[in-house]
Amino acid sequence: LTNPSVMIRFLNFRITFLGEVNRPGTIS
């Protein structure tokens, strides 16, 4: 292919909060 373009993204970028927080859980 001539001059291909490649686009990449994370589909599962997430973090998790535990402990003394107002809304614990996993955030996407």
PDB file of all heavy atoms in Angstrom:
ATOM      1  N   LEU A   1       0.841  -1.186   0.000  1.00  0.00           N
ATOM      2  CA  LEU A   1       0.000   0.000   0.000  1.00  0.00           C
ATOM      3  C   LEU A   1       0.881   1.242   0.000  1.00  0.00           C
ATOM      4  O   LEU A   1       1.960   1.260   0.589  1.00  0.00           O
ATOM      5  CB  LEU A   1      -0.927   0.028   1.229  1.00  0.00           C
ATOM      6  CG  LEU A   1      -1.925  -1.119   1.374  1.00  0.00           C
ATOM      7  CD1 LEU A   1      -2.761  -0.937   2.619  1.00  0.00           C
ATOM      8  CD2 LEU A   1      -2.810  -1.241   0.144  1.00  0.00           C
ATOM      9  N   THR A   2       0.404   2.291  -0.645  1.00  0.00           N
ATOM     10  CA  THR A   2       1.151   3.536  -0.716  1.00  0.00           C
ATOM     11  C   THR A   2       0.702   4.488   0.390  1.00  0.00           C
ATOM     12  O   THR A   2      -0.484   4.818   0.488  1.00  0.00           O
ATOM     13  CB  THR A   2       0.945   4.214  -2.082  1.00  0.00           C
ATOM     14  OG1 THR A   2       1.335   3.303  -3.114  1.00  0.00           O
ATOM     15  CG2 THR A   2       1.776   5.479  -2.191  1.00  0.00           C
ATOM     16  N   ASN A   3       1.659   4.913   1.218  1.00  0.00           N
ATOM     17  CA  ASN A   3       1.384   5.862   2.305  1.00  0.00           C
ATOM     18  C   ASN A   3       0.148   5.487   3.140  1.00  0.00           C
ATOM     19  O   ASN A   3      -0.820   6.260   3.227  1.00  0.00           O
ATOM     20  CB  ASN A   3       1.210   7.276   1.740  1.00  0.00           C
ATOM     21  CG  ASN A   3       2.466   7.801   1.083  1.00  0.00           C
ATOM     22  OD1 ASN A   3       3.578   7.511   1.536  1.00  0.00           O
ATOM     23  ND2 ASN A   3       2.292   8.583   0.023  1.00  0.00           N
ATOM     24  N   PRO A   4       0.155   4.317   3.742  1.00  0.00           N
ATOM     25  CA  PRO A   4      -0.998   3.937   4.568  1.00  0.00           C
ATOM     26  C   PRO A   4      -1.064   4.777   5.855  1.00  0.00           C
ATOM     27  O   PRO A   4      -0.043   5.217   6.379  1.00  0.00           O
ATOM     28  CB  PRO A   4      -0.741   2.466   4.877  1.00  0.00           C
ATOM     29  CG  PRO A   4       0.752   2.345   4.840  1.00  0.00           C
ATOM     30  CD  PRO A   4       1.213   3.291   3.766  1.00  0.00           C
ATOM     31  N   SER A   5      -2.276   4.994   6.335  1.00  0.00           N
ATOM     32  CA  SER A   5      -2.507   5.657   7.622  1.00  0.00           C
ATOM     33  C   SER A   5      -3.011   4.612   8.613  1.00  0.00           C
ATOM     34  O   SER A   5      -3.876   3.795   8.265  1.00  0.00           O
ATOM     35  CB  SER A   5      -3.537   6.783   7.486  1.00  0.00           C
ATOM     36  OG  SER A   5      -3.064   7.785   6.611  1.00  0.00           O
ATOM     37  N   VAL A   6      -2.467   4.626   9.817  1.00  0.00           N
ATOM     38  CA  VAL A   6      -2.855   3.655  10.841  1.00  0.00           C
ATOM     39  C   VAL A   6      -3.379   4.414  12.055  1.00  0.00           C
ATOM     40  O   VAL A   6      -2.679   5.251  12.632  1.00  0.00           O
ATOM     41  CB  VAL A   6      -1.663   2.766  11.253  1.00  0.00           C
ATOM     42  CG1 VAL A   6      -2.100   1.758  12.320  1.00  0.00           C
ATOM     43  CG2 VAL A   6      -1.093   2.049  10.046  1.00  0.00           C
ATOM     44  N   MET A   7      -4.610   4.133  12.425  1.00  0.00           N
ATOM     45  CA  MET A   7      -5.246   4.776  13.583  1.00  0.00           C
ATOM     46  C   MET A   7      -5.449   3.734  14.676  1.00  0.00           C
ATOM     47  O   MET A   7      -6.036   2.669  14.425  1.00  0.00           O
ATOM     48  CB  MET A   7      -6.588   5.399  13.181  1.00  0.00           C
ATOM     49  CG  MET A   7      -6.464   6.464  12.108  1.00  0.00           C
ATOM     50  SD  MET A   7      -8.064   7.177  11.636  1.00  0.00           S
ATOM     51  CE  MET A   7      -8.546   7.931  13.191  1.00  0.00           C
ATOM     52  N   ILE A   8      -4.981   4.045  15.886  1.00  0.00           N
ATOM     53  CA  ILE A   8      -5.023   3.094  17.000  1.00  0.00           C
ATOM     54  C   ILE A   8      -5.681   3.763  18.208  1.00  0.00           C
ATOM     55  O   ILE A   8      -5.389   4.927  18.518  1.00  0.00           O
ATOM     56  CB  ILE A   8      -3.608   2.611  17.381  1.00  0.00           C
ATOM     57  CG1 ILE A   8      -2.920   1.970  16.175  1.00  0.00           C
ATOM     58  CG2 ILE A   8      -3.662   1.629  18.544  1.00  0.00           C
ATOM     59  CD1 ILE A   8      -1.479   1.584  16.424  1.00  0.00           C
ATOM     60  N   ARG A   9      -6.532   3.004  18.879  1.00  0.00           N
ATOM     61  CA  ARG A   9      -7.165   3.495  20.107  1.00  0.00           C
ATOM     62  C   ARG A   9      -7.257   2.352  21.113  1.00  0.00           C
ATOM     63  O   ARG A   9      -7.372   1.181  20.752  1.00  0.00           O
ATOM     64  CB  ARG A   9      -8.567   4.035  19.832  1.00  0.00           C
ATOM     65  CG  ARG A   9      -8.603   5.313  19.021  1.00  0.00           C
ATOM     66  CD  ARG A   9      -9.896   6.069  19.273  1.00  0.00           C
ATOM     67  NE  ARG A   9     -10.006   6.466  20.666  1.00  0.00           N
ATOM     68  CZ  ARG A   9     -11.049   7.139  21.168  1.00  0.00           C
ATOM     69  NH1 ARG A   9     -12.058   7.468  20.385  1.00  0.00           N
ATOM     70  NH2 ARG A   9     -11.087   7.460  22.429  1.00  0.00           N
ATOM     71  N   PHE A  10      -7.227   2.721  22.402  1.00  0.00           N
ATOM     72  CA  PHE A  10      -7.493   1.754  23.467  1.00  0.00           C
ATOM     73  C   PHE A  10      -9.005   1.635  23.630  1.00  0.00           C
ATOM     74  O   PHE A  10      -9.709   2.634  23.770  1.00  0.00           O
ATOM     75  CB  PHE A  10      -6.884   2.217  24.791  1.00  0.00           C
ATOM     76  CG  PHE A  10      -5.382   2.174  24.835  1.00  0.00           C
ATOM     77  CD1 PHE A  10      -4.641   3.320  24.612  1.00  0.00           C
ATOM     78  CD2 PHE A  10      -4.709   1.002  25.111  1.00  0.00           C
ATOM     79  CE1 PHE A  10      -3.257   3.304  24.652  1.00  0.00           C
ATOM     80  CE2 PHE A  10      -3.326   0.957  25.159  1.00  0.00           C
ATOM     81  CZ  PHE A  10      -2.597   2.112  24.923  1.00  0.00           C
ATOM     82  N   LEU A  11      -9.502   0.407  23.635  1.00  0.00           N
ATOM     83  CA  LEU A  11     -10.930   0.180  23.822  1.00  0.00           C
ATOM     84  C   LEU A  11     -11.280  -0.137  25.273  1.00  0.00           C
ATOM     85  O   LEU A  11     -12.459  -0.174  25.619  1.00  0.00           O
ATOM     86  CB  LEU A  11     -11.400  -0.972  22.922  1.00  0.00           C
ATOM     87  CG  LEU A  11     -11.295  -0.724  21.414  1.00  0.00           C
ATOM     88  CD1 LEU A  11     -11.760  -1.954  20.647  1.00  0.00           C
ATOM     89  CD2 LEU A  11     -12.101   0.500  21.009  1.00  0.00           C
ATOM     90  N   ASN A  12     -10.272  -0.373  26.112  1.00  0.00           N
ATOM     91  CA  ASN A  12     -10.558  -0.730  27.508  1.00  0.00           C
ATOM     92  C   ASN A  12      -9.636   0.008  28.469  1.00  0.00           C
ATOM     93  O   ASN A  12      -9.106  -0.571  29.415  1.00  0.00           O
ATOM     94  CB  ASN A  12     -10.444  -2.241  27.713  1.00  0.00           C
ATOM     95  CG  ASN A  12      -9.031  -2.761  27.435  1.00  0.00           C
ATOM     96  OD1 ASN A  12      -8.225  -2.090  26.772  1.00  0.00           O
ATOM     97  ND2 ASN A  12      -8.720  -3.933  27.946  1.00  0.00           N
ATOM     98  N   PHE A  13      -9.456   1.313  28.249  1.00  0.00           N
ATOM     99  CA  PHE A  13      -8.643   2.131  29.152  1.00  0.00           C
ATOM    100  C   PHE A  13      -9.485   2.406  30.399  1.00  0.00           C
ATOM    101  O   PHE A  13     -10.467   3.141  30.367  1.00  0.00           O
ATOM    102  CB  PHE A  13      -8.262   3.443  28.472  1.00  0.00           C
ATOM    103  CG  PHE A  13      -7.153   4.192  29.162  1.00  0.00           C
ATOM    104  CD1 PHE A  13      -5.876   4.210  28.629  1.00  0.00           C
ATOM    105  CD2 PHE A  13      -7.382   4.859  30.348  1.00  0.00           C
ATOM    106  CE1 PHE A  13      -4.844   4.891  29.264  1.00  0.00           C
ATOM    107  CE2 PHE A  13      -6.370   5.543  30.988  1.00  0.00           C
ATOM    108  CZ  PHE A  13      -5.094   5.556  30.441  1.00  0.00           C
ATOM    109  N   ARG A  14      -9.102   1.812  31.515  1.00  0.00           N
ATOM    110  CA  ARG A  14      -9.898   1.951  32.734  1.00  0.00           C
ATOM    111  C   ARG A  14      -8.988   1.963  33.953  1.00  0.00           C
ATOM    112  O   ARG A  14      -7.856   1.473  33.925  1.00  0.00           O
ATOM    113  CB  ARG A  14     -10.921   0.822  32.848  1.00  0.00           C
ATOM    114  CG  ARG A  14     -10.311  -0.561  32.894  1.00  0.00           C
ATOM    115  CD  ARG A  14     -11.366  -1.644  32.994  1.00  0.00           C
ATOM    116  NE  ARG A  14     -10.774  -2.961  33.086  1.00  0.00           N
ATOM    117  CZ  ARG A  14     -10.555  -3.753  32.052  1.00  0.00           C
ATOM    118  NH1 ARG A  14     -10.896  -3.348  30.841  1.00  0.00           N
ATOM    119  NH2 ARG A  14     -10.006  -4.944  32.211  1.00  0.00           N
ATOM    120  N   ILE A  15      -9.515   2.539  35.047  1.00  0.00           N
ATOM    121  CA  ILE A  15      -8.833   2.562  36.337  1.00  0.00           C
ATOM    122  C   ILE A  15      -9.837   2.149  37.405  1.00  0.00           C
ATOM    123  O   ILE A  15     -11.054   2.197  37.178  1.00  0.00           O
ATOM    124  CB  ILE A  15      -8.261   3.961  36.650  1.00  0.00           C
ATOM    125  CG1 ILE A  15      -9.391   4.995  36.639  1.00  0.00           C
ATOM    126  CG2 ILE A  15      -7.168   4.337  35.672  1.00  0.00           C
ATOM    127  CD1 ILE A  15      -8.953   6.376  37.074  1.00  0.00           C
ATOM    128  N   THR A  16      -9.318   1.747  38.562  1.00  0.00           N
ATOM    129  CA  THR A  16     -10.191   1.268  39.638  1.00  0.00           C
ATOM    130  C   THR A  16      -9.866   1.994  40.933  1.00  0.00           C
ATOM    131  O   THR A  16      -8.690   2.111  41.307  1.00  0.00           O
ATOM    132  CB  THR A  16     -10.027  -0.245  39.836  1.00  0.00           C
ATOM    133  OG1 THR A  16     -10.352  -0.919  38.615  1.00  0.00           O
ATOM    134  CG2 THR A  16     -10.933  -0.755  40.951  1.00  0.00           C
ATOM    135  N   PHE A  17     -10.908   2.484  41.622  1.00  0.00           N
ATOM    136  CA  PHE A  17     -10.766   3.140  42.919  1.00  0.00           C
ATOM    137  C   PHE A  17     -11.307   2.227  44.018  1.00  0.00           C
ATOM    138  O   PHE A  17     -12.401   1.671  43.894  1.00  0.00           O
ATOM    139  CB  PHE A  17     -11.554   4.458  42.948  1.00  0.00           C
ATOM    140  CG  PHE A  17     -10.724   5.663  42.600  1.00  0.00           C
ATOM    141  CD1 PHE A  17     -10.705   6.140  41.311  1.00  0.00           C
ATOM    142  CD2 PHE A  17      -9.967   6.310  43.568  1.00  0.00           C
ATOM    143  CE1 PHE A  17      -9.953   7.245  40.978  1.00  0.00           C
ATOM    144  CE2 PHE A  17      -9.199   7.408  43.250  1.00  0.00           C
ATOM    145  CZ  PHE A  17      -9.188   7.881  41.962  1.00  0.00           C
ATOM    146  N   LEU A  18     -10.539   2.093  45.095  1.00  0.00           N
ATOM    147  CA  LEU A  18     -10.952   1.309  46.251  1.00  0.00           C
ATOM    148  C   LEU A  18     -10.674   2.106  47.529  1.00  0.00           C
ATOM    149  O   LEU A  18      -9.818   2.984  47.541  1.00  0.00           O
ATOM    150  CB  LEU A  18     -10.196  -0.024  46.311  1.00  0.00           C
ATOM    151  CG  LEU A  18     -10.374  -0.991  45.136  1.00  0.00           C
ATOM    152  CD1 LEU A  18      -9.435  -2.182  45.287  1.00  0.00           C
ATOM    153  CD2 LEU A  18     -11.815  -1.462  45.031  1.00  0.00           C
ATOM    154  N   GLY A  19     -11.399   1.774  48.582  1.00  0.00           N
ATOM    155  CA  GLY A  19     -11.126   2.391  49.875  1.00  0.00           C
ATOM    156  C   GLY A  19     -12.025   3.573  50.172  1.00  0.00           C
ATOM    157  O   GLY A  19     -13.214   3.594  49.827  1.00  0.00           O
ATOM    158  N   GLU A  20     -11.442   4.598  50.791  1.00  0.00           N
ATOM    159  CA  GLU A  20     -12.195   5.732  51.318  1.00  0.00           C
ATOM    160  C   GLU A  20     -12.423   6.782  50.225  1.00  0.00           C
ATOM    161  O   GLU A  20     -11.813   7.857  50.208  1.00  0.00           O
ATOM    162  CB  GLU A  20     -11.417   6.337  52.505  1.00  0.00           C
ATOM    163  CG  GLU A  20     -12.253   7.214  53.406  1.00  0.00           C
ATOM    164  CD  GLU A  20     -13.277   6.440  54.239  1.00  0.00           C
ATOM    165  OE1 GLU A  20     -13.241   5.189  54.239  1.00  0.00           O
ATOM    166  OE2 GLU A  20     -14.100   7.087  54.901  1.00  0.00           O
ATOM    167  N   VAL A  21     -13.301   6.445  49.284  1.00  0.00           N
ATOM    168  CA  VAL A  21     -13.712   7.377  48.227  1.00  0.00           C
ATOM    169  C   VAL A  21     -15.236   7.380  48.184  1.00  0.00           C
ATOM    170  O   VAL A  21     -15.886   6.438  48.641  1.00  0.00           O
ATOM    171  CB  VAL A  21     -13.140   6.983  46.856  1.00  0.00           C
ATOM    172  CG1 VAL A  21     -11.636   7.129  46.846  1.00  0.00           C
ATOM    173  CG2 VAL A  21     -13.537   5.568  46.477  1.00  0.00           C
ATOM    174  N   ASN A  22     -15.788   8.436  47.623  1.00  0.00           N
ATOM    175  CA  ASN A  22     -17.248   8.553  47.609  1.00  0.00           C
ATOM    176  C   ASN A  22     -17.908   7.572  46.647  1.00  0.00           C
ATOM    177  O   ASN A  22     -19.004   7.101  46.895  1.00  0.00           O
ATOM    178  CB  ASN A  22     -17.651   9.990  47.268  1.00  0.00           C
ATOM    179  CG  ASN A  22     -17.438  10.933  48.430  1.00  0.00           C
ATOM    180  OD1 ASN A  22     -17.672  10.577  49.578  1.00  0.00           O
ATOM    181  ND2 ASN A  22     -16.968  12.141  48.148  1.00  0.00           N
ATOM    182  N   ARG A  23     -17.228   7.279  45.516  1.00  0.00           N
ATOM    183  CA  ARG A  23     -17.793   6.327  44.557  1.00  0.00           C
ATOM    184  C   ARG A  23     -16.719   5.331  44.140  1.00  0.00           C
ATOM    185  O   ARG A  23     -16.105   5.469  43.067  1.00  0.00           O
ATOM    186  CB  ARG A  23     -18.346   7.057  43.329  1.00  0.00           C
ATOM    187  CG  ARG A  23     -19.588   7.880  43.578  1.00  0.00           C
ATOM    188  CD  ARG A  23     -20.310   8.219  42.288  1.00  0.00           C
ATOM    189  NE  ARG A  23     -19.496   9.033  41.410  1.00  0.00           N
ATOM    190  CZ  ARG A  23     -19.488  10.360  41.399  1.00  0.00           C
ATOM    191  NH1 ARG A  23     -20.260  11.020  42.238  1.00  0.00           N
ATOM    192  NH2 ARG A  23     -18.722  11.029  40.556  1.00  0.00           N
ATOM    193  N   PRO A  24     -16.458   4.315  44.968  1.00  0.00           N
ATOM    194  CA  PRO A  24     -15.462   3.308  44.576  1.00  0.00           C
ATOM    195  C   PRO A  24     -15.954   2.484  43.398  1.00  0.00           C
ATOM    196  O   PRO A  24     -17.161   2.347  43.178  1.00  0.00           O
ATOM    197  CB  PRO A  24     -15.322   2.452  45.839  1.00  0.00           C
ATOM    198  CG  PRO A  24     -16.624   2.624  46.563  1.00  0.00           C
ATOM    199  CD  PRO A  24     -17.077   4.022  46.272  1.00  0.00           C
ATOM    200  N   GLY A  25     -15.008   1.942  42.652  1.00  0.00           N
ATOM    201  CA  GLY A  25     -15.365   1.102  41.514  1.00  0.00           C
ATOM    202  C   GLY A  25     -14.439   1.356  40.348  1.00  0.00           C
ATOM    203  O   GLY A  25     -13.434   2.065  40.447  1.00  0.00           O
ATOM    204  N   THR A  26     -14.781   0.765  39.199  1.00  0.00           N
ATOM    205  CA  THR A  26     -13.981   0.878  37.987  1.00  0.00           C
ATOM    206  C   THR A  26     -14.543   1.971  37.086  1.00  0.00           C
ATOM    207  O   THR A  26     -15.758   2.053  36.890  1.00  0.00           O
ATOM    208  CB  THR A  26     -13.955  -0.458  37.237  1.00  0.00           C
ATOM    209  OG1 THR A  26     -13.369  -1.461  38.079  1.00  0.00           O
ATOM    210  CG2 THR A  26     -13.136  -0.354  35.962  1.00  0.00           C
ATOM    211  N   ILE A  27     -13.647   2.800  36.541  1.00  0.00           N
ATOM    212  CA  ILE A  27     -14.034   3.921  35.692  1.00  0.00           C
ATOM    213  C   ILE A  27     -13.407   3.724  34.316  1.00  0.00           C
ATOM    214  O   ILE A  27     -12.195   3.519  34.201  1.00  0.00           O
ATOM    215  CB  ILE A  27     -13.568   5.259  36.282  1.00  0.00           C
ATOM    216  CG1 ILE A  27     -14.103   5.431  37.718  1.00  0.00           C
ATOM    217  CG2 ILE A  27     -14.008   6.424  35.406  1.00  0.00           C
ATOM    218  CD1 ILE A  27     -13.530   6.641  38.424  1.00  0.00           C
ATOM    219  N   SER A  28     -14.214   3.777  33.270  1.00  0.00           N
ATOM    220  CA  SER A  28     -13.715   3.703  31.899  1.00  0.00           C
ATOM    221  C   SER A  28     -13.375   5.110  31.413  1.00  0.00           C
ATOM    222  O   SER A  28     -14.175   6.039  31.586  1.00  0.00           O
ATOM    223  CB  SER A  28     -14.755   3.071  30.975  1.00  0.00           C
ATOM    224  OG  SER A  28     -14.989   1.722  31.339  1.00  0.00           O
TER     225      SER A  28
END
